[in-house]
Amino acid sequence: MRFLQIAKIPHKEFNAAVKDGTAGAKLKKIMDAIKPEAVYFTALNGLRTAVLIVDMPDASKMPALAEPWFLTFSGDVEFHPVMTAADLAKGGLDALGKQWA
């Protein structure tokens, strides 16, 4: 199942990695481990943030997706289930609309 993973990275830890020249290598190590379908970097609420699309076939994979951010950068992580347009099309919205109208 696809999830939107949001990893917020505190300034102190990431600034230290930038200053000592390890930020790029640490991010690459996380990406190599997580293997996201897509990843975007931005600032949310003033924090450096990674927004990823990840596959989580079951909940037991959650630690493998979250711990790299926790342990490397003391990051905060959120997961939100998402679907593609094709997934939505299979969701039976028309039938649900009739059932719940």
C-alpha atoms as a PDB file:
ATOM      1  CA  MET A   1       0.000   0.000   0.000  1.00  0.00           C
ATOM      2  CA  ARG A   2       1.257   3.481  -0.810  1.00  0.00           C
ATOM      3  CA  PHE A   3       1.812   6.003   1.945  1.00  0.00           C
ATOM      4  CA  LEU A   4       2.776   9.645   1.985  1.00  0.00           C
ATOM      5  CA  GLN A   5       5.664   9.856   4.435  1.00  0.00           C
ATOM      6  CA  ILE A   6       6.530  13.274   5.802  1.00  0.00           C
ATOM      7  CA  ALA A   7       9.865  13.586   7.596  1.00  0.00           C
ATOM      8  CA  LYS A   8      10.549  16.891   9.347  1.00  0.00           C
ATOM      9  CA  ILE A   9      14.224  17.459  10.092  1.00  0.00           C
ATOM     10  CA  PRO A  10      15.265  19.665  13.035  1.00  0.00           C
ATOM     11  CA  HIS A  11      17.655  22.530  12.287  1.00  0.00           C
ATOM     12  CA  LYS A  12      20.322  21.619  14.841  1.00  0.00           C
ATOM     13  CA  GLU A  13      20.959  18.093  13.581  1.00  0.00           C
ATOM     14  CA  PHE A  14      20.785  18.933   9.887  1.00  0.00           C
ATOM     15  CA  ASN A  15      22.875  22.102  10.259  1.00  0.00           C
ATOM     16  CA  ALA A  16      25.570  20.039  11.984  1.00  0.00           C
ATOM     17  CA  ALA A  17      25.523  17.531   9.096  1.00  0.00           C
ATOM     18  CA  VAL A  18      25.743  20.334   6.526  1.00  0.00           C
ATOM     19  CA  LYS A  19      28.640  21.944   8.393  1.00  0.00           C
ATOM     20  CA  ASP A  20      30.611  18.709   8.729  1.00  0.00           C
ATOM     21  CA  GLY A  21      29.934  17.721   5.116  1.00  0.00           C
ATOM     22  CA  THR A  22      27.877  14.582   5.823  1.00  0.00           C
ATOM     23  CA  ALA A  23      24.335  15.769   4.974  1.00  0.00           C
ATOM     24  CA  GLY A  24      24.378  14.483   1.391  1.00  0.00           C
ATOM     25  CA  ALA A  25      25.793  11.086   2.319  1.00  0.00           C
ATOM     26  CA  LYS A  26      23.293  10.689   5.166  1.00  0.00           C
ATOM     27  CA  LEU A  27      20.342  11.552   2.914  1.00  0.00           C
ATOM     28  CA  LYS A  28      21.621   9.147   0.250  1.00  0.00           C
ATOM     29  CA  LYS A  29      21.924   6.361   2.827  1.00  0.00           C
ATOM     30  CA  ILE A  30      18.313   6.943   3.913  1.00  0.00           C
ATOM     31  CA  MET A  31      17.052   7.019   0.308  1.00  0.00           C
ATOM     32  CA  ASP A  32      18.964   3.831  -0.539  1.00  0.00           C
ATOM     33  CA  ALA A  33      17.392   2.083   2.457  1.00  0.00           C
ATOM     34  CA  ILE A  34      13.835   3.367   2.030  1.00  0.00           C
ATOM     35  CA  LYS A  35      13.719   3.231  -1.784  1.00  0.00           C
ATOM     36  CA  PRO A  36      10.842   5.702  -2.148  1.00  0.00           C
ATOM     37  CA  GLU A  37       8.710   5.780  -5.277  1.00  0.00           C
ATOM     38  CA  ALA A  38       9.175   9.565  -5.228  1.00  0.00           C
ATOM     39  CA  VAL A  39      10.774  12.098  -2.892  1.00  0.00           C
ATOM     40  CA  TYR A  40      10.588  15.873  -2.692  1.00  0.00           C
ATOM     41  CA  PHE A  41      12.389  18.224  -0.333  1.00  0.00           C
ATOM     42  CA  THR A  42      10.765  21.429   0.874  1.00  0.00           C
ATOM     43  CA  ALA A  43      10.229  23.574   3.964  1.00  0.00           C
ATOM     44  CA  LEU A  44       7.029  23.034   5.979  1.00  0.00           C
ATOM     45  CA  ASN A  45       6.303  25.241   8.955  1.00  0.00           C
ATOM     46  CA  GLY A  46       9.885  26.476   8.840  1.00  0.00           C
ATOM     47  CA  LEU A  47      11.501  23.019   8.982  1.00  0.00           C
ATOM     48  CA  ARG A  48      13.452  21.164   6.332  1.00  0.00           C
ATOM     49  CA  THR A  49      11.084  18.435   5.217  1.00  0.00           C
ATOM     50  CA  ALA A  50      11.210  15.360   3.007  1.00  0.00           C
ATOM     51  CA  VAL A  51       7.917  14.314   1.403  1.00  0.00           C
ATOM     52  CA  LEU A  52       8.065  10.753   0.112  1.00  0.00           C
ATOM     53  CA  ILE A  53       5.799   8.194  -1.517  1.00  0.00           C
ATOM     54  CA  VAL A  54       6.666   4.809  -0.010  1.00  0.00           C
ATOM     55  CA  ASP A  55       5.316   1.283  -0.231  1.00  0.00           C
ATOM     56  CA  MET A  56       4.274  -0.256   3.063  1.00  0.00           C
ATOM     57  CA  PRO A  57       2.828  -3.716   2.418  1.00  0.00           C
ATOM     58  CA  ASP A  58       2.107  -4.106   6.136  1.00  0.00           C
ATOM     59  CA  ALA A  59       2.643  -2.197   9.362  1.00  0.00           C
ATOM     60  CA  SER A  60       5.781  -4.156  10.234  1.00  0.00           C
ATOM     61  CA  LYS A  61       7.693  -2.093   7.650  1.00  0.00           C
ATOM     62  CA  MET A  62       6.971   1.164   9.499  1.00  0.00           C
ATOM     63  CA  PRO A  63      10.114   1.051  11.697  1.00  0.00           C
ATOM     64  CA  ALA A  64      12.345   0.496   8.642  1.00  0.00           C
ATOM     65  CA  LEU A  65      10.827   3.589   7.031  1.00  0.00           C
ATOM     66  CA  ALA A  66      10.831   5.823  10.105  1.00  0.00           C
ATOM     67  CA  GLU A  67      13.911   4.900  12.150  1.00  0.00           C
ATOM     68  CA  PRO A  68      16.444   6.227   9.619  1.00  0.00           C
ATOM     69  CA  TRP A  69      14.961   9.722  10.097  1.00  0.00           C
ATOM     70  CA  PHE A  70      14.697   9.354  13.889  1.00  0.00           C
ATOM     71  CA  LEU A  71      18.208   8.005  14.373  1.00  0.00           C
ATOM     72  CA  THR A  72      20.045  10.084  11.759  1.00  0.00           C
ATOM     73  CA  PHE A  73      18.457  13.501  12.274  1.00  0.00           C
ATOM     74  CA  SER A  74      16.128  13.235  15.323  1.00  0.00           C
ATOM     75  CA  GLY A  75      13.367  13.805  12.789  1.00  0.00           C
ATOM     76  CA  ASP A  76       9.611  13.674  13.192  1.00  0.00           C
ATOM     77  CA  VAL A  77       7.769  11.286  10.844  1.00  0.00           C
ATOM     78  CA  GLU A  78       4.149  11.003   9.741  1.00  0.00           C
ATOM     79  CA  PHE A  79       2.465   8.425   7.510  1.00  0.00           C
ATOM     80  CA  HIS A  80      -0.732   8.966   5.528  1.00  0.00           C
ATOM     81  CA  PRO A  81      -2.292   6.354   3.224  1.00  0.00           C
ATOM     82  CA  VAL A  82      -2.664   7.594  -0.354  1.00  0.00           C
ATOM     83  CA  MET A  83      -3.994   6.248  -3.627  1.00  0.00           C
ATOM     84  CA  THR A  84      -3.554   6.865  -7.317  1.00  0.00           C
ATOM     85  CA  ALA A  85      -6.373   7.886  -9.652  1.00  0.00           C
ATOM     86  CA  ALA A  86      -6.609   4.234 -10.723  1.00  0.00           C
ATOM     87  CA  ASP A  87      -6.993   3.160  -7.083  1.00  0.00           C
ATOM     88  CA  LEU A  88      -9.736   5.743  -6.606  1.00  0.00           C
ATOM     89  CA  ALA A  89     -11.520   4.509  -9.734  1.00  0.00           C
ATOM     90  CA  LYS A  90     -11.641   1.008  -8.196  1.00  0.00           C
ATOM     91  CA  GLY A  91     -13.033   2.427  -4.945  1.00  0.00           C
ATOM     92  CA  GLY A  92     -16.686   2.197  -5.963  1.00  0.00           C
ATOM     93  CA  LEU A  93     -17.595   5.841  -5.349  1.00  0.00           C
ATOM     94  CA  ASP A  94     -20.770   5.666  -7.433  1.00  0.00           C
ATOM     95  CA  ALA A  95     -22.096   2.696  -5.444  1.00  0.00           C
ATOM     96  CA  LEU A  96     -21.093   4.329  -2.171  1.00  0.00           C
ATOM     97  CA  GLY A  97     -22.872   7.510  -3.206  1.00  0.00           C
ATOM     98  CA  LYS A  98     -26.088   5.563  -3.798  1.00  0.00           C
ATOM     99  CA  GLN A  99     -25.687   3.637  -0.551  1.00  0.00           C
ATOM    100  CA  TRP A 100     -25.097   6.729   1.571  1.00  0.00           C
ATOM    101  CA  ALA A 101     -27.287   9.301  -0.242  1.00  0.00           C
END
